[in-house]
């Protein structure tokens, strides 16, 4: 039973999982759309939307928290200067997951996660 389990482990230990989500979030912010598995996309949505909400605050404290969660400098700059302004009036739901079918090699369900315009 998974009582009180908050997130999916994605078959990785904790530091690897946090690094993977950080890198995927940076790619999502820079490219605004990435292709990944459905399970990873669902976890990334939680991670990325929390960062966007934090960036909307715009304070020094928010910047430091975002930089501690995502080390990619250019992605953090784009997040605060571009994306935070774009979503200033939006109360949530910054990403969209579109399922695209199964992967050829192993049949994993794939999806495109993209930022909403």
PDB file of N, CA and C in Angstrom:
ATOM      1  N   UNK A   1       0.834  -1.187   0.000  1.00  0.00           N
ATOM      2  CA  UNK A   1       0.000   0.000   0.000  1.00  0.00           C
ATOM      3  C   UNK A   1       0.877   1.247   0.000  1.00  0.00           C
ATOM      4  N   UNK A   2       0.384   2.279  -0.678  1.00  0.00           N
ATOM      5  CA  UNK A   2       1.156   3.509  -0.808  1.00  0.00           C
ATOM      6  C   UNK A   2       0.563   4.619   0.054  1.00  0.00           C
ATOM      7  N   UNK A   3       0.210   4.303   1.278  1.00  0.00           N
ATOM      8  CA  UNK A   3      -0.333   5.328   2.153  1.00  0.00           C
ATOM      9  C   UNK A   3       0.699   6.418   2.404  1.00  0.00           C
ATOM     10  N   UNK A   4       0.268   7.654   2.323  1.00  0.00           N
ATOM     11  CA  UNK A   4       1.089   8.838   2.603  1.00  0.00           C
ATOM     12  C   UNK A   4       2.300   8.969   1.674  1.00  0.00           C
ATOM     13  N   UNK A   5       2.240   8.348   0.522  1.00  0.00           N
ATOM     14  CA  UNK A   5       3.288   8.505  -0.483  1.00  0.00           C
ATOM     15  C   UNK A   5       2.864   9.652  -1.397  1.00  0.00           C
ATOM     16  N   UNK A   6       3.710  10.675  -1.502  1.00  0.00           N
ATOM     17  CA  UNK A   6       3.315  11.896  -2.188  1.00  0.00           C
ATOM     18  C   UNK A   6       3.523  11.833  -3.688  1.00  0.00           C
ATOM     19  N   UNK A   7       4.666  11.305  -4.134  1.00  0.00           N
ATOM     20  CA  UNK A   7       4.972  11.386  -5.563  1.00  0.00           C
ATOM     21  C   UNK A   7       5.396  10.027  -6.094  1.00  0.00           C
ATOM     22  N   UNK A   8       5.484   9.959  -7.419  1.00  0.00           N
ATOM     23  CA  UNK A   8       5.941   8.736  -8.072  1.00  0.00           C
ATOM     24  C   UNK A   8       7.460   8.676  -8.003  1.00  0.00           C
ATOM     25  N   UNK A   9       8.013   7.471  -7.858  1.00  0.00           N
ATOM     26  CA  UNK A   9       9.465   7.358  -7.742  1.00  0.00           C
ATOM     27  C   UNK A   9      10.152   7.321  -9.099  1.00  0.00           C
ATOM     28  N   UNK A  10       9.439   6.978 -10.150  1.00  0.00           N
ATOM     29  CA  UNK A  10       9.961   6.955 -11.515  1.00  0.00           C
ATOM     30  C   UNK A  10      11.172   6.021 -11.655  1.00  0.00           C
ATOM     31  N   UNK A  11      11.294   5.050 -10.770  1.00  0.00           N
ATOM     32  CA  UNK A  11      12.364   4.065 -10.852  1.00  0.00           C
ATOM     33  C   UNK A  11      13.739   4.627 -10.559  1.00  0.00           C
ATOM     34  N   UNK A  12      13.801   5.720  -9.802  1.00  0.00           N
ATOM     35  CA  UNK A  12      15.078   6.370  -9.511  1.00  0.00           C
ATOM     36  C   UNK A  12      15.160   6.693  -8.035  1.00  0.00           C
ATOM     37  N   UNK A  13      16.378   6.844  -7.537  1.00  0.00           N
ATOM     38  CA  UNK A  13      16.538   7.289  -6.159  1.00  0.00           C
ATOM     39  C   UNK A  13      16.332   8.803  -6.114  1.00  0.00           C
ATOM     40  N   UNK A  14      16.204   9.344  -4.913  1.00  0.00           N
ATOM     41  CA  UNK A  14      15.718  10.706  -4.738  1.00  0.00           C
ATOM     42  C   UNK A  14      16.512  11.786  -5.434  1.00  0.00           C
ATOM     43  N   UNK A  15      17.837  11.780  -5.289  1.00  0.00           N
ATOM     44  CA  UNK A  15      18.623  12.859  -5.890  1.00  0.00           C
ATOM     45  C   UNK A  15      18.597  12.782  -7.413  1.00  0.00           C
ATOM     46  N   UNK A  16      18.574  11.560  -7.957  1.00  0.00           N
ATOM     47  CA  UNK A  16      18.491  11.396  -9.416  1.00  0.00           C
ATOM     48  C   UNK A  16      17.141  11.889  -9.926  1.00  0.00           C
ATOM     49  N   UNK A  17      16.079  11.589  -9.182  1.00  0.00           N
ATOM     50  CA  UNK A  17      14.739  12.024  -9.576  1.00  0.00           C
ATOM     51  C   UNK A  17      14.632  13.552  -9.547  1.00  0.00           C
ATOM     52  N   UNK A  18      15.151  14.180  -8.498  1.00  0.00           N
ATOM     53  CA  UNK A  18      15.102  15.638  -8.415  1.00  0.00           C
ATOM     54  C   UNK A  18      15.912  16.287  -9.533  1.00  0.00           C
ATOM     55  N   UNK A  19      17.077  15.718  -9.854  1.00  0.00           N
ATOM     56  CA  UNK A  19      17.895  16.253 -10.942  1.00  0.00           C
ATOM     57  C   UNK A  19      17.190  16.099 -12.284  1.00  0.00           C
ATOM     58  N   UNK A  20      16.546  14.951 -12.498  1.00  0.00           N
ATOM     59  CA  UNK A  20      15.839  14.717 -13.750  1.00  0.00           C
ATOM     60  C   UNK A  20      14.681  15.704 -13.906  1.00  0.00           C
ATOM     61  N   UNK A  21      13.894  15.908 -12.851  1.00  0.00           N
ATOM     62  CA  UNK A  21      12.774  16.842 -12.927  1.00  0.00           C
ATOM     63  C   UNK A  21      13.260  18.273 -13.122  1.00  0.00           C
ATOM     64  N   UNK A  22      14.375  18.619 -12.498  1.00  0.00           N
ATOM     65  CA  UNK A  22      14.945  19.952 -12.678  1.00  0.00           C
ATOM     66  C   UNK A  22      15.367  20.171 -14.121  1.00  0.00           C
ATOM     67  N   UNK A  23      16.043  19.195 -14.699  1.00  0.00           N
ATOM     68  CA  UNK A  23      16.482  19.304 -16.094  1.00  0.00           C
ATOM     69  C   UNK A  23      15.299  19.333 -17.054  1.00  0.00           C
ATOM     70  N   UNK A  24      14.276  18.522 -16.778  1.00  0.00           N
ATOM     71  CA  UNK A  24      13.098  18.512 -17.643  1.00  0.00           C
ATOM     72  C   UNK A  24      12.344  19.834 -17.547  1.00  0.00           C
ATOM     73  N   UNK A  25      12.268  20.406 -16.360  1.00  0.00           N
ATOM     74  CA  UNK A  25      11.595  21.698 -16.195  1.00  0.00           C
ATOM     75  C   UNK A  25      12.340  22.788 -16.952  1.00  0.00           C
ATOM     76  N   UNK A  26      13.675  22.766 -16.872  1.00  0.00           N
ATOM     77  CA  UNK A  26      14.463  23.757 -17.610  1.00  0.00           C
ATOM     78  C   UNK A  26      14.223  23.618 -19.110  1.00  0.00           C
ATOM     79  N   UNK A  27      14.198  22.387 -19.616  1.00  0.00           N
ATOM     80  CA  UNK A  27      13.924  22.168 -21.040  1.00  0.00           C
ATOM     81  C   UNK A  27      12.526  22.643 -21.405  1.00  0.00           C
ATOM     82  N   UNK A  28      11.563  22.384 -20.533  1.00  0.00           N
ATOM     83  CA  UNK A  28      10.191  22.820 -20.795  1.00  0.00           C
ATOM     84  C   UNK A  28      10.103  24.341 -20.851  1.00  0.00           C
ATOM     85  N   UNK A  29      10.776  25.028 -19.948  1.00  0.00           N
ATOM     86  CA  UNK A  29      10.710  26.486 -19.933  1.00  0.00           C
ATOM     87  C   UNK A  29      11.416  27.090 -21.135  1.00  0.00           C
ATOM     88  N   UNK A  30      12.517  26.483 -21.567  1.00  0.00           N
ATOM     89  CA  UNK A  30      13.260  27.023 -22.697  1.00  0.00           C
ATOM     90  C   UNK A  30      12.581  26.720 -24.025  1.00  0.00           C
ATOM     91  N   UNK A  31      12.106  25.481 -24.203  1.00  0.00           N
ATOM     92  CA  UNK A  31      11.531  25.070 -25.486  1.00  0.00           C
ATOM     93  C   UNK A  31      10.020  25.170 -25.527  1.00  0.00           C
ATOM     94  N   UNK A  32       9.371  25.271 -24.364  1.00  0.00           N
ATOM     95  CA  UNK A  32       7.927  25.408 -24.191  1.00  0.00           C
ATOM     96  C   UNK A  32       7.134  24.180 -24.591  1.00  0.00           C
ATOM     97  N   UNK A  33       7.798  23.091 -24.993  1.00  0.00           N
ATOM     98  CA  UNK A  33       7.112  21.845 -25.312  1.00  0.00           C
ATOM     99  C   UNK A  33       8.150  20.727 -25.391  1.00  0.00           C
ATOM    100  N   UNK A  34       7.924  19.614 -24.680  1.00  0.00           N
ATOM    101  CA  UNK A  34       8.832  18.478 -24.759  1.00  0.00           C
ATOM    102  C   UNK A  34       8.025  17.186 -24.821  1.00  0.00           C
ATOM    103  N   UNK A  35       8.637  16.146 -25.362  1.00  0.00           N
ATOM    104  CA  UNK A  35       8.014  14.833 -25.459  1.00  0.00           C
ATOM    105  C   UNK A  35       8.654  13.914 -24.437  1.00  0.00           C
ATOM    106  N   UNK A  36       7.825  13.222 -23.662  1.00  0.00           N
ATOM    107  CA  UNK A  36       8.302  12.305 -22.638  1.00  0.00           C
ATOM    108  C   UNK A  36       7.220  11.267 -22.368  1.00  0.00           C
ATOM    109  N   UNK A  37       7.450  10.398 -21.399  1.00  0.00           N
ATOM    110  CA  UNK A  37       6.421   9.412 -21.063  1.00  0.00           C
ATOM    111  C   UNK A  37       5.308  10.099 -20.277  1.00  0.00           C
ATOM    112  N   UNK A  38       4.148   9.478 -20.248  1.00  0.00           N
ATOM    113  CA  UNK A  38       2.994  10.061 -19.573  1.00  0.00           C
ATOM    114  C   UNK A  38       3.264  10.214 -18.075  1.00  0.00           C
ATOM    115  N   UNK A  39       3.873   9.209 -17.459  1.00  0.00           N
ATOM    116  CA  UNK A  39       4.141   9.270 -16.023  1.00  0.00           C
ATOM    117  C   UNK A  39       5.094  10.395 -15.680  1.00  0.00           C
ATOM    118  N   UNK A  40       6.162  10.552 -16.464  1.00  0.00           N
ATOM    119  CA  UNK A  40       7.098  11.645 -16.229  1.00  0.00           C
ATOM    120  C   UNK A  40       6.425  12.989 -16.463  1.00  0.00           C
ATOM    121  N   UNK A  41       5.569  13.070 -17.464  1.00  0.00           N
ATOM    122  CA  UNK A  41       4.877  14.322 -17.759  1.00  0.00           C
ATOM    123  C   UNK A  41       3.976  14.728 -16.598  1.00  0.00           C
ATOM    124  N   UNK A  42       3.318  13.761 -15.981  1.00  0.00           N
ATOM    125  CA  UNK A  42       2.435  14.078 -14.859  1.00  0.00           C
ATOM    126  C   UNK A  42       3.226  14.570 -13.651  1.00  0.00           C
ATOM    127  N   UNK A  43       4.381  13.978 -13.410  1.00  0.00           N
ATOM    128  CA  UNK A  43       5.223  14.450 -12.309  1.00  0.00           C
ATOM    129  C   UNK A  43       5.832  15.810 -12.644  1.00  0.00           C
ATOM    130  N   UNK A  44       6.239  15.989 -13.889  1.00  0.00           N
ATOM    131  CA  UNK A  44       6.827  17.256 -14.308  1.00  0.00           C
ATOM    132  C   UNK A  44       5.816  18.383 -14.202  1.00  0.00           C
ATOM    133  N   UNK A  45       4.565  18.103 -14.492  1.00  0.00           N
ATOM    134  CA  UNK A  45       3.527  19.133 -14.396  1.00  0.00           C
ATOM    135  C   UNK A  45       3.452  19.686 -12.975  1.00  0.00           C
ATOM    136  N   UNK A  46       3.468  18.808 -11.974  1.00  0.00           N
ATOM    137  CA  UNK A  46       3.438  19.259 -10.576  1.00  0.00           C
ATOM    138  C   UNK A  46       4.646  20.136 -10.266  1.00  0.00           C
ATOM    139  N   UNK A  47       5.809  19.686 -10.703  1.00  0.00           N
ATOM    140  CA  UNK A  47       7.064  20.378 -10.405  1.00  0.00           C
ATOM    141  C   UNK A  47       7.118  21.742 -11.095  1.00  0.00           C
ATOM    142  N   UNK A  48       6.789  21.770 -12.384  1.00  0.00           N
ATOM    143  CA  UNK A  48       6.896  22.997 -13.178  1.00  0.00           C
ATOM    144  C   UNK A  48       5.855  24.032 -12.758  1.00  0.00           C
ATOM    145  N   UNK A  49       4.645  23.594 -12.464  1.00  0.00           N
ATOM    146  CA  UNK A  49       3.613  24.558 -12.097  1.00  0.00           C
ATOM    147  C   UNK A  49       3.914  25.209 -10.758  1.00  0.00           C
ATOM    148  N   UNK A  50       4.531  24.485  -9.854  1.00  0.00           N
ATOM    149  CA  UNK A  50       4.938  25.088  -8.587  1.00  0.00           C
ATOM    150  C   UNK A  50       6.026  26.142  -8.805  1.00  0.00           C
ATOM    151  N   UNK A  51       6.950  25.858  -9.739  1.00  0.00           N
ATOM    152  CA  UNK A  51       8.000  26.845 -10.034  1.00  0.00           C
ATOM    153  C   UNK A  51       7.411  28.097 -10.683  1.00  0.00           C
ATOM    154  N   UNK A  52       6.466  27.924 -11.592  1.00  0.00           N
ATOM    155  CA  UNK A  52       5.843  29.077 -12.249  1.00  0.00           C
ATOM    156  C   UNK A  52       5.083  29.913 -11.235  1.00  0.00           C
ATOM    157  N   UNK A  53       4.344  29.270 -10.342  1.00  0.00           N
ATOM    158  CA  UNK A  53       3.610  30.001  -9.320  1.00  0.00           C
ATOM    159  C   UNK A  53       4.566  30.771  -8.419  1.00  0.00           C
ATOM    160  N   UNK A  54       5.688  30.156  -8.084  1.00  0.00           N
ATOM    161  CA  UNK A  54       6.693  30.828  -7.250  1.00  0.00           C
ATOM    162  C   UNK A  54       7.288  32.023  -8.008  1.00  0.00           C
ATOM    163  N   UNK A  55       7.511  31.859  -9.305  1.00  0.00           N
ATOM    164  CA  UNK A  55       8.103  32.937 -10.099  1.00  0.00           C
ATOM    165  C   UNK A  55       7.155  34.125 -10.231  1.00  0.00           C
ATOM    166  N   UNK A  56       5.865  33.884 -10.157  1.00  0.00           N
ATOM    167  CA  UNK A  56       4.910  34.981 -10.258  1.00  0.00           C
ATOM    168  C   UNK A  56       5.040  35.954  -9.090  1.00  0.00           C
ATOM    169  N   UNK A  57       5.566  35.477  -7.956  1.00  0.00           N
ATOM    170  CA  UNK A  57       5.794  36.371  -6.820  1.00  0.00           C
ATOM    171  C   UNK A  57       6.864  37.388  -7.127  1.00  0.00           C
ATOM    172  N   UNK A  58       7.978  36.927  -7.702  1.00  0.00           N
ATOM    173  CA  UNK A  58       9.014  37.822  -8.186  1.00  0.00           C
ATOM    174  C   UNK A  58       9.949  38.405  -7.149  1.00  0.00           C
ATOM    175  N   UNK A  59       9.864  37.993  -5.898  1.00  0.00           N
ATOM    176  CA  UNK A  59      10.745  38.552  -4.876  1.00  0.00           C
ATOM    177  C   UNK A  59      12.108  37.860  -4.913  1.00  0.00           C
ATOM    178  N   UNK A  60      13.055  38.411  -4.170  1.00  0.00           N
ATOM    179  CA  UNK A  60      14.384  37.795  -4.065  1.00  0.00           C
ATOM    180  C   UNK A  60      14.276  36.405  -3.456  1.00  0.00           C
ATOM    181  N   UNK A  61      13.405  36.259  -2.464  1.00  0.00           N
ATOM    182  CA  UNK A  61      13.204  34.954  -1.836  1.00  0.00           C
ATOM    183  C   UNK A  61      12.707  33.931  -2.855  1.00  0.00           C
ATOM    184  N   UNK A  62      11.755  34.345  -3.702  1.00  0.00           N
ATOM    185  CA  UNK A  62      11.240  33.454  -4.744  1.00  0.00           C
ATOM    186  C   UNK A  62      12.340  33.074  -5.727  1.00  0.00           C
ATOM    187  N   UNK A  63      13.160  34.031  -6.097  1.00  0.00           N
ATOM    188  CA  UNK A  63      14.260  33.749  -7.025  1.00  0.00           C
ATOM    189  C   UNK A  63      15.233  32.739  -6.433  1.00  0.00           C
ATOM    190  N   UNK A  64      15.540  32.885  -5.155  1.00  0.00           N
ATOM    191  CA  UNK A  64      16.476  31.966  -4.514  1.00  0.00           C
ATOM    192  C   UNK A  64      15.891  30.559  -4.404  1.00  0.00           C
ATOM    193  N   UNK A  65      14.613  30.462  -4.119  1.00  0.00           N
ATOM    194  CA  UNK A  65      13.978  29.144  -4.039  1.00  0.00           C
ATOM    195  C   UNK A  65      13.973  28.474  -5.412  1.00  0.00           C
ATOM    196  N   UNK A  66      13.614  29.222  -6.452  1.00  0.00           N
ATOM    197  CA  UNK A  66      13.587  28.648  -7.799  1.00  0.00           C
ATOM    198  C   UNK A  66      14.985  28.221  -8.227  1.00  0.00           C
ATOM    199  N   UNK A  67      15.998  29.026  -7.929  1.00  0.00           N
ATOM    200  CA  UNK A  67      17.374  28.660  -8.304  1.00  0.00           C
ATOM    201  C   UNK A  67      17.855  27.440  -7.528  1.00  0.00           C
ATOM    202  N   UNK A  68      17.358  27.231  -6.316  1.00  0.00           N
ATOM    203  CA  UNK A  68      17.750  26.038  -5.573  1.00  0.00           C
ATOM    204  C   UNK A  68      17.070  24.789  -6.135  1.00  0.00           C
ATOM    205  N   UNK A  69      15.901  24.951  -6.717  1.00  0.00           N
ATOM    206  CA  UNK A  69      15.178  23.813  -7.298  1.00  0.00           C
ATOM    207  C   UNK A  69      15.597  23.538  -8.739  1.00  0.00           C
ATOM    208  N   UNK A  70      16.040  24.589  -9.458  1.00  0.00           N
ATOM    209  CA  UNK A  70      16.392  24.449 -10.860  1.00  0.00           C
ATOM    210  C   UNK A  70      17.656  25.253 -11.123  1.00  0.00           C
ATOM    211  N   UNK A  71      18.762  24.574 -11.370  1.00  0.00           N
ATOM    212  CA  UNK A  71      20.060  25.235 -11.453  1.00  0.00           C
ATOM    213  C   UNK A  71      20.352  25.867 -12.813  1.00  0.00           C
ATOM    214  N   UNK A  72      19.508  25.666 -13.792  1.00  0.00           N
ATOM    215  CA  UNK A  72      19.748  26.184 -15.138  1.00  0.00           C
ATOM    216  C   UNK A  72      19.478  27.687 -15.167  1.00  0.00           C
ATOM    217  N   UNK A  73      20.532  28.462 -15.376  1.00  0.00           N
ATOM    218  CA  UNK A  73      20.449  29.923 -15.259  1.00  0.00           C
ATOM    219  C   UNK A  73      19.541  30.550 -16.313  1.00  0.00           C
ATOM    220  N   UNK A  74      19.711  30.161 -17.585  1.00  0.00           N
ATOM    221  CA  UNK A  74      18.912  30.757 -18.655  1.00  0.00           C
ATOM    222  C   UNK A  74      17.429  30.433 -18.491  1.00  0.00           C
ATOM    223  N   UNK A  75      17.127  29.218 -18.042  1.00  0.00           N
ATOM    224  CA  UNK A  75      15.728  28.834 -17.835  1.00  0.00           C
ATOM    225  C   UNK A  75      15.110  29.649 -16.708  1.00  0.00           C
ATOM    226  N   UNK A  76      15.875  29.894 -15.649  1.00  0.00           N
ATOM    227  CA  UNK A  76      15.364  30.696 -14.531  1.00  0.00           C
ATOM    228  C   UNK A  76      15.117  32.136 -14.971  1.00  0.00           C
ATOM    229  N   UNK A  77      16.012  32.679 -15.784  1.00  0.00           N
ATOM    230  CA  UNK A  77      15.831  34.045 -16.281  1.00  0.00           C
ATOM    231  C   UNK A  77      14.576  34.131 -17.139  1.00  0.00           C
ATOM    232  N   UNK A  78      14.388  33.171 -18.043  1.00  0.00           N
ATOM    233  CA  UNK A  78      13.197  33.177 -18.887  1.00  0.00           C
ATOM    234  C   UNK A  78      11.936  33.000 -18.049  1.00  0.00           C
ATOM    235  N   UNK A  79      12.027  32.168 -17.015  1.00  0.00           N
ATOM    236  CA  UNK A  79      10.883  31.931 -16.145  1.00  0.00           C
ATOM    237  C   UNK A  79      10.432  33.221 -15.466  1.00  0.00           C
ATOM    238  N   UNK A  80      11.364  33.994 -14.933  1.00  0.00           N
ATOM    239  CA  UNK A  80      10.994  35.208 -14.211  1.00  0.00           C
ATOM    240  C   UNK A  80      10.658  36.364 -15.134  1.00  0.00           C
ATOM    241  N   UNK A  81      11.365  36.491 -16.250  1.00  0.00           N
ATOM    242  CA  UNK A  81      11.150  37.663 -17.101  1.00  0.00           C
ATOM    243  C   UNK A  81      10.032  37.482 -18.116  1.00  0.00           C
ATOM    244  N   UNK A  82       9.842  36.274 -18.619  1.00  0.00           N
ATOM    245  CA  UNK A  82       8.867  36.058 -19.683  1.00  0.00           C
ATOM    246  C   UNK A  82       7.624  35.319 -19.182  1.00  0.00           C
ATOM    247  N   UNK A  83       7.840  34.137 -18.621  1.00  0.00           N
ATOM    248  CA  UNK A  83       6.704  33.283 -18.276  1.00  0.00           C
ATOM    249  C   UNK A  83       5.889  33.828 -17.110  1.00  0.00           C
ATOM    250  N   UNK A  84       6.536  34.409 -16.116  1.00  0.00           N
ATOM    251  CA  UNK A  84       5.798  34.951 -14.969  1.00  0.00           C
ATOM    252  C   UNK A  84       4.868  36.080 -15.414  1.00  0.00           C
ATOM    253  N   UNK A  85       5.320  36.901 -16.351  1.00  0.00           N
ATOM    254  CA  UNK A  85       4.471  37.984 -16.857  1.00  0.00           C
ATOM    255  C   UNK A  85       3.328  37.430 -17.710  1.00  0.00           C
ATOM    256  N   UNK A  86       3.628  36.377 -18.480  1.00  0.00           N
ATOM    257  CA  UNK A  86       2.600  35.781 -19.334  1.00  0.00           C
ATOM    258  C   UNK A  86       1.458  35.197 -18.510  1.00  0.00           C
ATOM    259  N   UNK A  87       1.794  34.594 -17.362  1.00  0.00           N
ATOM    260  CA  UNK A  87       0.787  33.921 -16.545  1.00  0.00           C
ATOM    261  C   UNK A  87       0.378  34.737 -15.328  1.00  0.00           C
ATOM    262  N   UNK A  88       0.612  36.035 -15.328  1.00  0.00           N
ATOM    263  CA  UNK A  88       0.326  36.868 -14.156  1.00  0.00           C
ATOM    264  C   UNK A  88      -1.148  36.833 -13.762  1.00  0.00           C
ATOM    265  N   UNK A  89      -2.040  36.813 -14.730  1.00  0.00           N
ATOM    266  CA  UNK A  89      -3.471  36.836 -14.414  1.00  0.00           C
ATOM    267  C   UNK A  89      -4.101  35.446 -14.395  1.00  0.00           C
ATOM    268  N   UNK A  90      -3.313  34.427 -14.650  1.00  0.00           N
ATOM    269  CA  UNK A  90      -3.841  33.063 -14.700  1.00  0.00           C
ATOM    270  C   UNK A  90      -3.674  32.410 -13.329  1.00  0.00           C
ATOM    271  N   UNK A  91      -4.745  31.838 -12.752  1.00  0.00           N
ATOM    272  CA  UNK A  91      -4.649  31.295 -11.390  1.00  0.00           C
ATOM    273  C   UNK A  91      -4.011  29.907 -11.296  1.00  0.00           C
ATOM    274  N   UNK A  92      -3.705  29.280 -12.399  1.00  0.00           N
ATOM    275  CA  UNK A  92      -3.089  27.955 -12.373  1.00  0.00           C
ATOM    276  C   UNK A  92      -3.304  27.278 -13.708  1.00  0.00           C
ATOM    277  N   UNK A  93      -2.861  26.026 -13.833  1.00  0.00           N
ATOM    278  CA  UNK A  93      -3.046  25.295 -15.081  1.00  0.00           C
ATOM    279  C   UNK A  93      -2.184  25.835 -16.194  1.00  0.00           C
ATOM    280  N   UNK A  94      -0.887  25.905 -15.942  1.00  0.00           N
ATOM    281  CA  UNK A  94       0.033  26.497 -16.909  1.00  0.00           C
ATOM    282  C   UNK A  94       0.508  25.514 -17.970  1.00  0.00           C
ATOM    283  N   UNK A  95       0.301  24.221 -17.752  1.00  0.00           N
ATOM    284  CA  UNK A  95       0.780  23.212 -18.690  1.00  0.00           C
ATOM    285  C   UNK A  95      -0.370  22.361 -19.201  1.00  0.00           C
ATOM    286  N   UNK A  96      -0.113  21.713 -20.335  1.00  0.00           N
ATOM    287  CA  UNK A  96      -1.094  20.824 -20.950  1.00  0.00           C
ATOM    288  C   UNK A  96      -0.372  19.541 -21.343  1.00  0.00           C
ATOM    289  N   UNK A  97      -0.983  18.393 -21.063  1.00  0.00           N
ATOM    290  CA  UNK A  97      -0.418  17.094 -21.440  1.00  0.00           C
ATOM    291  C   UNK A  97      -1.292  16.505 -22.535  1.00  0.00           C
ATOM    292  N   UNK A  98      -0.654  16.182 -23.659  1.00  0.00           N
ATOM    293  CA  UNK A  98      -1.371  15.592 -24.799  1.00  0.00           C
ATOM    294  C   UNK A  98      -0.762  14.221 -25.062  1.00  0.00           C
ATOM    295  N   UNK A  99      -1.554  13.184 -24.929  1.00  0.00           N
ATOM    296  CA  UNK A  99      -1.058  11.824 -25.145  1.00  0.00           C
ATOM    297  C   UNK A  99      -0.882  11.576 -26.639  1.00  0.00           C
ATOM    298  N   UNK A 100       0.246  10.922 -26.995  1.00  0.00           N
ATOM    299  CA  UNK A 100       0.571  10.754 -28.413  1.00  0.00           C
ATOM    300  C   UNK A 100       0.680   9.298 -28.849  1.00  0.00           C
ATOM    301  N   UNK A 101       0.347   8.352 -28.014  1.00  0.00           N
ATOM    302  CA  UNK A 101       0.446   6.946 -28.398  1.00  0.00           C
ATOM    303  C   UNK A 101       1.589   6.266 -27.677  1.00  0.00           C
ATOM    304  N   UNK A 102       1.962   5.076 -28.153  1.00  0.00           N
ATOM    305  CA  UNK A 102       2.990   4.290 -27.486  1.00  0.00           C
ATOM    306  C   UNK A 102       4.317   4.372 -28.218  1.00  0.00           C
ATOM    307  N   UNK A 103       5.397   4.235 -27.443  1.00  0.00           N
ATOM    308  CA  UNK A 103       6.743   4.237 -27.999  1.00  0.00           C
ATOM    309  C   UNK A 103       6.986   2.913 -28.704  1.00  0.00           C
ATOM    310  N   UNK A 104       7.734   2.959 -29.814  1.00  0.00           N
ATOM    311  CA  UNK A 104       7.988   1.755 -30.603  1.00  0.00           C
ATOM    312  C   UNK A 104       8.762   0.690 -29.839  1.00  0.00           C
ATOM    313  N   UNK A 105       9.819   1.067 -29.159  1.00  0.00           N
ATOM    314  CA  UNK A 105      10.719   0.083 -28.570  1.00  0.00           C
ATOM    315  C   UNK A 105      10.099  -0.750 -27.472  1.00  0.00           C
ATOM    316  N   UNK A 106       9.454  -0.094 -26.504  1.00  0.00           N
ATOM    317  CA  UNK A 106       8.952  -0.828 -25.345  1.00  0.00           C
ATOM    318  C   UNK A 106       7.465  -0.642 -25.094  1.00  0.00           C
ATOM    319  N   UNK A 107       6.787   0.153 -25.910  1.00  0.00           N
ATOM    320  CA  UNK A 107       5.351   0.318 -25.761  1.00  0.00           C
ATOM    321  C   UNK A 107       4.946   1.273 -24.659  1.00  0.00           C
ATOM    322  N   UNK A 108       5.871   2.080 -24.143  1.00  0.00           N
ATOM    323  CA  UNK A 108       5.525   3.037 -23.093  1.00  0.00           C
ATOM    324  C   UNK A 108       4.595   4.111 -23.651  1.00  0.00           C
ATOM    325  N   UNK A 109       3.571   4.479 -22.897  1.00  0.00           N
ATOM    326  CA  UNK A 109       2.698   5.558 -23.368  1.00  0.00           C
ATOM    327  C   UNK A 109       3.438   6.888 -23.344  1.00  0.00           C
ATOM    328  N   UNK A 110       3.427   7.592 -24.465  1.00  0.00           N
ATOM    329  CA  UNK A 110       4.156   8.843 -24.624  1.00  0.00           C
ATOM    330  C   UNK A 110       3.187  10.021 -24.618  1.00  0.00           C
ATOM    331  N   UNK A 111       3.720  11.200 -24.284  1.00  0.00           N
ATOM    332  CA  UNK A 111       2.924  12.405 -24.245  1.00  0.00           C
ATOM    333  C   UNK A 111       3.787  13.615 -24.546  1.00  0.00           C
ATOM    334  N   UNK A 112       3.132  14.672 -24.988  1.00  0.00           N
ATOM    335  CA  UNK A 112       3.780  15.960 -25.171  1.00  0.00           C
ATOM    336  C   UNK A 112       3.270  16.849 -24.044  1.00  0.00           C
ATOM    337  N   UNK A 113       4.189  17.424 -23.287  1.00  0.00           N
ATOM    338  CA  UNK A 113       3.813  18.397 -22.267  1.00  0.00           C
ATOM    339  C   UNK A 113       4.239  19.765 -22.777  1.00  0.00           C
ATOM    340  N   UNK A 114       3.293  20.693 -22.769  1.00  0.00           N
ATOM    341  CA  UNK A 114       3.544  22.017 -23.342  1.00  0.00           C
ATOM    342  C   UNK A 114       2.983  23.088 -22.434  1.00  0.00           C
ATOM    343  N   UNK A 115       3.585  24.268 -22.500  1.00  0.00           N
ATOM    344  CA  UNK A 115       3.069  25.406 -21.771  1.00  0.00           C
ATOM    345  C   UNK A 115       1.860  25.959 -22.512  1.00  0.00           C
ATOM    346  N   UNK A 116       0.835  26.335 -21.761  1.00  0.00           N
ATOM    347  CA  UNK A 116      -0.373  26.885 -22.340  1.00  0.00           C
ATOM    348  C   UNK A 116      -0.110  28.318 -22.759  1.00  0.00           C
ATOM    349  N   UNK A 117      -0.686  28.733 -23.894  1.00  0.00           N
ATOM    350  CA  UNK A 117      -0.460  30.098 -24.387  1.00  0.00           C
ATOM    351  C   UNK A 117      -1.259  31.125 -23.644  1.00  0.00           C
TER     352      UNK A 117
END
